[in-house]
Amino acid sequence: MRRQRALSRRDFLKLGGAGLAGASVLGAAGCGAGGDGARRLTYAYEQAEETSHGISARIFKERLEEESGGAIALQVYPAGQLGGEPGLLQKVLTQDIDFINSSTANASLLVPQAGVFSLHYLYDSIEHNLKVVADGRINDIFRELTQATVNGGHALTLYSSPLRNMYSRDTEVSSVDDLRGQKVRVQATRTEDITFAEYGAQTVHMQFSEVYTSLQTGVIDMAENALMYYGSAGHYDVAPIMSLTEHEGNTQIIWVADKAWNGMSEEEQGWVQTAADAVKTTASERGFESERELRADYKAEGVQFVENVDKESFKEISLPLQERIAEDLGEDAVRILERVRELG
């Protein structure tokens, strides 16, 4: 099986761009101490506080401070205050932030095999998705993979945000045929590029912060994401039609910087892992609960939801691609795919 090469650290750091902004605010990761004697650690994420990113950060902070009895205090920087996900991943590598959240899609810049979580229709249901991210074996495989391939940080846990859907200014997606010739903003993974090309779409990569204007000006015809991110970014203003394709999971990662992790005692590491494990289960479930409530709210605000989507037309194309893409990514991607199917 051919392994796809990860970006070199030097090449990846170039992607951070303005990601260095805010580093001076933080100083060196894992070194802060407050006047109360608590060890102060930092956590940053890109998306809005009302999304699964915010839900996970709150659970992680509350549980870590509870487990440590106040010996560790967490300073959280939400909503892209310290940059987008490529920049935040950079800050973990350079030890400028202790904990961050990223999608597996963005993580594939560092760990190409993370692209296995972007396979379309990987999950049979929401329950299957929740079971996968909570699975100890899958988390162990992924944690060991990041420890072996990433210099500067590693994954603490996987967790899940709600499933991704297609949205557009004026096009309903009732079947895969409606994607032909469309310019679709997708996450920058090999998995997405291969799959959407097979659907007949043209893939476009850009930062999430650029999607609103690109939809507004016609640079792209469509985008895809979970409803909570679509809503928090105001994309419904320029793309009021959301087709419930539920084509892809939204798997997330909590990362820890090596300097912070290696500077902890075994007991402190246990507190951190316990907090991460709480995110793995509780945050995932709460994200899906929030999504169900949001759908009714946005429908009342005028968003048109296309519910009668022929998902089989997508699966006819995407399911045969799963093994091929996983094998191309590498042995660990194949192991993860096999385990996901066992859990289905």
Protein backbone atom coordinates (compact mmCIF):
# COMPACT_ATOMS: atom_id res chain seq x y z
CA MET A 1 0.00 0.00 0.00
CA ARG A 2 1.38 3.39 -0.92
CA ARG A 3 1.66 5.91 1.91
CA GLN A 4 0.94 9.50 1.08
CA ARG A 5 3.70 11.83 2.26
CA ALA A 6 2.78 14.43 4.85
CA LEU A 7 3.83 18.01 4.28
CA SER A 8 7.23 18.86 5.66
CA ARG A 9 7.16 20.98 8.78
CA ARG A 10 8.70 23.85 6.82
CA ASP A 11 6.06 23.65 4.08
CA PHE A 12 3.25 23.39 6.60
CA LEU A 13 4.42 26.42 8.55
CA LYS A 14 4.05 28.48 5.37
CA LEU A 15 0.33 27.69 5.40
CA GLY A 16 -0.07 29.43 8.75
CA GLY A 17 0.43 32.83 7.13
CA ALA A 18 -1.11 35.32 9.49
CA GLY A 19 -1.30 32.51 12.04
CA LEU A 20 1.66 34.01 13.85
CA ALA A 21 -0.58 36.87 14.94
CA GLY A 22 -1.37 36.49 18.59
CA ALA A 23 1.66 34.36 19.44
CA SER A 24 3.13 37.22 21.42
CA VAL A 25 -0.03 37.28 23.52
CA LEU A 26 0.57 33.71 24.62
CA GLY A 27 4.29 33.39 25.14
CA ALA A 28 5.63 29.88 25.55
CA ALA A 29 3.00 27.18 25.97
CA GLY A 30 2.62 25.36 29.23
CA CYS A 31 4.71 27.83 31.23
CA GLY A 32 2.12 30.13 32.77
CA ALA A 33 1.34 30.23 36.46
CA GLY A 34 -1.16 32.45 38.19
CA GLY A 35 -0.94 34.23 41.50
CA ASP A 36 -3.21 31.53 42.94
CA GLY A 37 -0.61 28.90 42.12
CA ALA A 38 -2.68 27.26 39.39
CA ARG A 39 -0.89 26.13 36.27
CA ARG A 40 -2.34 28.11 33.36
CA LEU A 41 -2.72 26.42 29.98
CA THR A 42 -4.18 27.72 26.72
CA TYR A 43 -6.80 26.32 24.33
CA ALA A 44 -7.83 27.87 20.99
CA TYR A 45 -10.27 27.07 18.22
CA GLU A 46 -11.48 28.70 15.00
CA GLN A 47 -15.27 28.48 15.01
CA ALA A 48 -17.96 30.34 16.96
CA GLU A 49 -18.68 29.57 20.60
CA GLU A 50 -22.17 28.21 19.85
CA THR A 51 -20.79 25.45 17.59
CA SER A 52 -19.44 22.02 18.53
CA HIS A 53 -16.02 23.67 18.84
CA GLY A 54 -17.34 25.85 21.65
CA ILE A 55 -19.27 23.00 23.24
CA SER A 56 -16.14 20.84 23.33
CA ALA A 57 -13.97 23.65 24.73
CA ARG A 58 -16.41 24.31 27.57
CA ILE A 59 -16.64 20.62 28.49
CA PHE A 60 -12.86 20.21 28.33
CA LYS A 61 -12.23 23.28 30.49
CA GLU A 62 -14.86 22.40 33.10
CA ARG A 63 -13.76 18.78 33.38
CA LEU A 64 -10.03 19.56 33.47
CA GLU A 65 -10.40 22.19 36.16
CA GLU A 66 -12.69 19.87 38.13
CA GLU A 67 -10.36 16.85 37.85
CA SER A 68 -7.34 18.92 38.84
CA GLY A 69 -9.14 20.53 41.77
CA GLY A 70 -8.16 23.93 40.43
CA ALA A 71 -4.47 23.04 40.05
CA ILE A 72 -4.84 23.65 36.29
CA ALA A 73 -6.68 26.65 34.84
CA LEU A 74 -7.51 26.84 31.14
CA GLN A 75 -7.57 30.09 29.17
CA VAL A 76 -9.77 29.63 26.08
CA TYR A 77 -9.43 31.70 22.89
CA PRO A 78 -12.57 31.10 20.75
CA ALA A 79 -13.78 32.13 17.31
CA GLY A 80 -10.46 32.43 15.50
CA GLN A 81 -8.96 34.99 17.91
CA LEU A 82 -5.57 33.36 17.35
CA GLY A 83 -6.08 32.35 13.71
CA GLY A 84 -7.68 29.72 11.51
CA GLU A 85 -7.03 26.02 11.89
CA PRO A 86 -3.86 25.83 9.76
CA GLY A 87 -2.41 28.63 11.88
CA LEU A 88 -3.52 26.96 15.11
CA LEU A 89 -1.98 23.67 14.05
CA GLN A 90 1.20 25.62 13.42
CA LYS A 91 1.09 27.03 16.94
CA VAL A 92 0.90 23.53 18.40
CA LEU A 93 4.00 22.54 16.45
CA THR A 94 5.87 25.64 17.62
CA GLN A 95 4.63 25.12 21.21
CA ASP A 96 2.83 28.49 21.34
CA ILE A 97 -0.56 27.01 22.33
CA ASP A 98 -1.14 24.06 24.62
CA PHE A 99 -4.41 22.69 23.20
CA ILE A 100 -6.30 23.32 19.98
CA ASN A 101 -9.22 21.92 18.08
CA SER A 102 -8.98 20.99 14.40
CA SER A 103 -10.96 18.95 11.91
CA THR A 104 -9.46 15.72 10.61
CA ALA A 105 -9.65 17.36 7.17
CA ASN A 106 -7.29 20.17 8.17
CA ALA A 107 -5.17 17.69 10.10
CA SER A 108 -4.61 15.78 6.86
CA LEU A 109 -2.11 18.52 5.93
CA LEU A 110 0.08 16.98 8.62
CA VAL A 111 -1.29 13.44 8.73
CA PRO A 112 -2.62 12.49 5.28
CA GLN A 113 -4.23 9.32 6.66
CA ALA A 114 -6.65 11.53 8.61
CA GLY A 115 -8.39 11.93 5.24
CA VAL A 116 -10.08 8.58 5.85
CA PHE A 117 -12.60 10.38 8.08
CA SER A 118 -13.66 12.49 5.07
CA LEU A 119 -14.91 9.47 3.13
CA HIS A 120 -18.48 10.04 2.02
CA TYR A 121 -21.20 7.93 3.64
CA LEU A 122 -18.65 6.41 5.99
CA TYR A 123 -21.36 6.30 8.66
CA ASP A 124 -24.68 4.47 8.38
CA SER A 125 -26.38 6.76 10.91
CA ILE A 126 -25.79 9.35 13.60
CA GLU A 127 -25.61 6.52 16.14
CA HIS A 128 -22.90 4.84 14.07
CA ASN A 129 -20.96 8.12 13.91
CA LEU A 130 -21.13 8.54 17.69
CA LYS A 131 -20.03 4.96 18.22
CA VAL A 132 -17.02 5.40 15.93
CA VAL A 133 -15.59 8.53 17.59
CA ALA A 134 -16.06 6.98 21.04
CA ASP A 135 -14.34 3.73 20.03
CA GLY A 136 -11.15 3.06 21.96
CA ARG A 137 -9.44 1.15 19.17
CA ILE A 138 -9.97 3.87 16.57
CA ASN A 139 -8.76 6.53 18.99
CA ASP A 140 -5.70 4.45 19.83
CA ILE A 141 -4.82 3.97 16.15
CA PHE A 142 -5.18 7.66 15.44
CA ARG A 143 -3.32 8.78 18.57
CA GLU A 144 -0.40 6.45 17.78
CA LEU A 145 -0.42 7.67 14.17
CA THR A 146 -0.09 11.32 15.19
CA GLN A 147 2.62 10.54 17.72
CA ALA A 148 4.61 8.75 15.03
CA THR A 149 4.20 11.31 12.24
CA VAL A 150 3.78 14.77 13.83
CA ASN A 151 6.75 16.54 15.36
CA GLY A 152 5.52 18.86 18.09
CA GLY A 153 2.08 17.62 19.10
CA HIS A 154 -0.33 14.71 19.10
CA ALA A 155 -4.04 13.92 19.24
CA LEU A 156 -5.74 13.47 22.60
CA THR A 157 -9.11 12.38 21.24
CA LEU A 158 -11.48 12.36 18.32
CA TYR A 159 -15.01 13.66 18.63
CA SER A 160 -17.83 14.44 16.24
CA SER A 161 -19.71 17.49 15.01
CA PRO A 162 -22.98 17.06 13.08
CA LEU A 163 -23.02 15.72 9.52
CA ARG A 164 -22.25 17.92 6.52
CA ASN A 165 -24.79 19.09 3.91
CA MET A 166 -24.67 20.99 0.59
CA TYR A 167 -25.87 24.59 0.39
CA SER A 168 -26.29 27.06 -2.45
CA ARG A 169 -27.70 30.40 -3.58
CA ASP A 170 -30.23 28.92 -5.99
CA THR A 171 -29.66 25.20 -6.62
CA GLU A 172 -31.43 22.33 -4.93
CA VAL A 173 -29.43 19.11 -4.70
CA SER A 174 -31.92 16.28 -5.02
CA SER A 175 -29.45 13.79 -6.50
CA VAL A 176 -25.81 13.59 -7.52
CA ASP A 177 -26.74 14.84 -11.00
CA ASP A 178 -27.37 18.29 -9.54
CA LEU A 179 -23.67 18.63 -8.67
CA ARG A 180 -22.39 18.19 -12.22
CA GLY A 181 -20.42 21.23 -13.34
CA GLN A 182 -20.91 23.03 -10.01
CA LYS A 183 -18.00 24.81 -8.31
CA VAL A 184 -18.07 23.52 -4.73
CA ARG A 185 -15.92 24.71 -1.87
CA VAL A 186 -14.65 21.61 -0.06
CA GLN A 187 -12.13 20.90 2.66
CA ALA A 188 -8.60 20.58 1.34
CA THR A 189 -8.23 16.81 1.38
CA ARG A 190 -7.34 14.32 -1.31
CA THR A 191 -10.45 12.40 -0.28
CA GLU A 192 -12.75 15.31 -1.13
CA ASP A 193 -11.03 16.08 -4.41
CA ILE A 194 -11.35 12.50 -5.65
CA THR A 195 -14.94 12.04 -4.50
CA PHE A 196 -16.37 15.32 -5.76
CA ALA A 197 -14.59 14.88 -9.09
CA GLU A 198 -16.38 11.54 -9.45
CA TYR A 199 -19.65 13.35 -8.75
CA GLY A 200 -18.84 15.65 -11.66
CA ALA A 201 -18.20 18.76 -9.56
CA GLN A 202 -15.29 21.17 -9.61
CA THR A 203 -13.64 21.45 -6.20
CA VAL A 204 -12.41 24.75 -4.80
CA HIS A 205 -10.21 25.13 -1.71
CA MET A 206 -10.33 28.24 0.45
CA GLN A 207 -10.33 29.28 4.10
CA PHE A 208 -13.72 29.01 5.80
CA SER A 209 -13.65 32.77 6.41
CA GLU A 210 -13.66 33.35 2.62
CA VAL A 211 -16.74 31.24 1.87
CA TYR A 212 -19.39 33.91 2.54
CA THR A 213 -17.98 36.41 0.04
CA SER A 214 -17.25 33.68 -2.51
CA LEU A 215 -20.86 32.50 -2.42
CA GLN A 216 -22.07 36.09 -2.62
CA THR A 217 -19.93 36.96 -5.66
CA GLY A 218 -20.30 33.65 -7.51
CA VAL A 219 -16.69 32.55 -7.13
CA ILE A 220 -18.24 29.29 -5.94
CA ASP A 221 -21.71 27.86 -6.60
CA MET A 222 -21.99 25.79 -3.45
CA ALA A 223 -20.36 24.93 -0.16
CA GLU A 224 -20.89 22.14 2.32
CA ASN A 225 -20.84 21.98 6.10
CA ALA A 226 -22.97 21.22 9.13
CA LEU A 227 -25.91 23.49 9.84
CA MET A 228 -24.37 25.00 12.98
CA TYR A 229 -21.31 26.28 11.10
CA TYR A 230 -23.43 27.45 8.16
CA GLY A 231 -25.58 29.37 10.62
CA SER A 232 -22.87 30.83 12.86
CA ALA A 233 -21.03 32.19 9.79
CA GLY A 234 -24.20 33.74 8.35
CA HIS A 235 -23.98 31.73 5.13
CA TYR A 236 -27.79 31.51 5.01
CA ASP A 237 -27.79 35.18 3.92
CA VAL A 238 -26.12 34.31 0.61
CA ALA A 239 -27.01 30.62 0.28
CA PRO A 240 -30.52 30.05 1.66
CA ILE A 241 -30.97 26.56 0.16
CA MET A 242 -29.55 23.69 2.20
CA SER A 243 -29.88 20.18 0.78
CA LEU A 244 -29.72 17.52 3.49
CA THR A 245 -27.28 15.20 1.77
CA GLU A 246 -25.62 14.24 5.09
CA HIS A 247 -22.80 13.01 2.90
CA GLU A 248 -19.92 13.26 5.34
CA GLY A 249 -19.04 13.19 9.01
CA ASN A 250 -17.44 16.17 10.71
CA THR A 251 -14.78 14.49 12.81
CA GLN A 252 -12.75 16.78 15.07
CA ILE A 253 -9.55 16.40 17.07
CA ILE A 254 -8.25 17.88 20.31
CA TRP A 255 -4.48 18.32 20.02
CA VAL A 256 -1.91 18.88 22.74
CA ALA A 257 1.53 20.43 22.29
CA ASP A 258 4.41 18.11 23.19
CA LYS A 259 6.04 20.65 25.49
CA ALA A 260 2.90 20.96 27.57
CA TRP A 261 2.24 17.21 27.61
CA ASN A 262 5.81 16.16 28.41
CA GLY A 263 5.98 18.77 31.16
CA MET A 264 3.09 17.16 33.02
CA SER A 265 3.27 14.55 35.72
CA GLU A 266 1.53 11.23 35.13
CA GLU A 267 -1.31 12.41 37.36
CA GLU A 268 -1.71 15.65 35.38
CA GLN A 269 -1.73 13.73 32.11
CA GLY A 270 -4.49 11.60 33.57
CA TRP A 271 -6.58 14.70 34.32
CA VAL A 272 -6.10 15.94 30.78
CA GLN A 273 -7.02 12.61 29.19
CA THR A 274 -10.10 12.31 31.38
CA ALA A 275 -11.24 15.76 30.19
CA ALA A 276 -10.61 14.77 26.57
CA ASP A 277 -12.58 11.55 27.03
CA ALA A 278 -15.54 13.60 28.30
CA VAL A 279 -15.45 15.61 25.07
CA LYS A 280 -15.35 12.42 23.01
CA THR A 281 -18.75 11.34 24.30
CA THR A 282 -20.63 14.30 25.78
CA ALA A 283 -19.67 17.00 23.26
CA SER A 284 -20.45 14.74 20.32
CA GLU A 285 -23.95 13.99 21.61
CA ARG A 286 -24.68 17.63 22.49
CA GLY A 287 -23.63 18.77 19.03
CA PHE A 288 -26.22 16.57 17.36
CA GLU A 289 -28.88 17.64 19.87
CA SER A 290 -28.15 21.29 19.08
CA GLU A 291 -28.36 20.61 15.35
CA ARG A 292 -31.89 19.24 15.62
CA GLU A 293 -33.02 22.38 17.45
CA LEU A 294 -31.29 24.66 14.95
CA ARG A 295 -33.04 23.14 11.96
CA ALA A 296 -36.44 24.27 13.22
CA ASP A 297 -35.08 27.74 14.01
CA TYR A 298 -33.53 28.32 10.60
CA LYS A 299 -36.55 26.92 8.78
CA ALA A 300 -38.66 29.52 10.56
CA GLU A 301 -36.18 32.19 9.40
CA GLY A 302 -36.67 31.22 5.75
CA VAL A 303 -33.93 28.70 5.02
CA GLN A 304 -35.19 26.16 2.50
CA PHE A 305 -34.27 22.61 3.49
CA VAL A 306 -34.30 20.03 0.70
CA GLU A 307 -35.13 16.86 2.60
CA ASN A 308 -35.97 14.47 -0.24
CA VAL A 309 -32.38 13.80 -1.34
CA ASP A 310 -31.59 10.64 -3.31
CA LYS A 311 -28.61 9.58 -1.17
CA GLU A 312 -28.35 6.30 -3.05
CA SER A 313 -27.27 8.21 -6.16
CA PHE A 314 -24.29 9.52 -4.15
CA LYS A 315 -23.54 6.18 -2.52
CA GLU A 316 -23.40 4.38 -5.87
CA ILE A 317 -20.37 6.51 -6.65
CA SER A 318 -18.79 7.09 -3.24
CA LEU A 319 -19.00 3.68 -1.56
CA PRO A 320 -16.84 1.89 -4.18
CA LEU A 321 -14.23 4.64 -3.69
CA GLN A 322 -13.79 4.03 0.02
CA GLU A 323 -11.35 1.13 -0.10
CA ARG A 324 -9.38 2.62 -2.98
CA ILE A 325 -8.90 5.93 -1.19
CA ALA A 326 -8.07 4.28 2.14
CA GLU A 327 -5.44 2.05 0.53
CA ASP A 328 -3.94 5.08 -1.19
CA LEU A 329 -3.74 6.91 2.15
CA GLY A 330 -2.00 4.08 3.97
CA GLU A 331 -2.23 1.07 6.27
CA ASP A 332 -3.63 2.94 9.27
CA ALA A 333 -6.39 4.45 7.13
CA VAL A 334 -7.32 0.92 6.03
CA ARG A 335 -7.35 -0.24 9.67
CA ILE A 336 -9.63 2.64 10.62
CA LEU A 337 -12.00 1.97 7.71
CA GLU A 338 -12.20 -1.71 8.63
CA ARG A 339 -12.97 -0.88 12.26
CA VAL A 340 -15.62 1.68 11.25
CA ARG A 341 -17.36 -1.02 9.22
CA GLU A 342 -17.18 -3.47 12.14
CA LEU A 343 -18.98 -0.92 14.31
CA GLY A 344 -21.75 -0.33 11.76
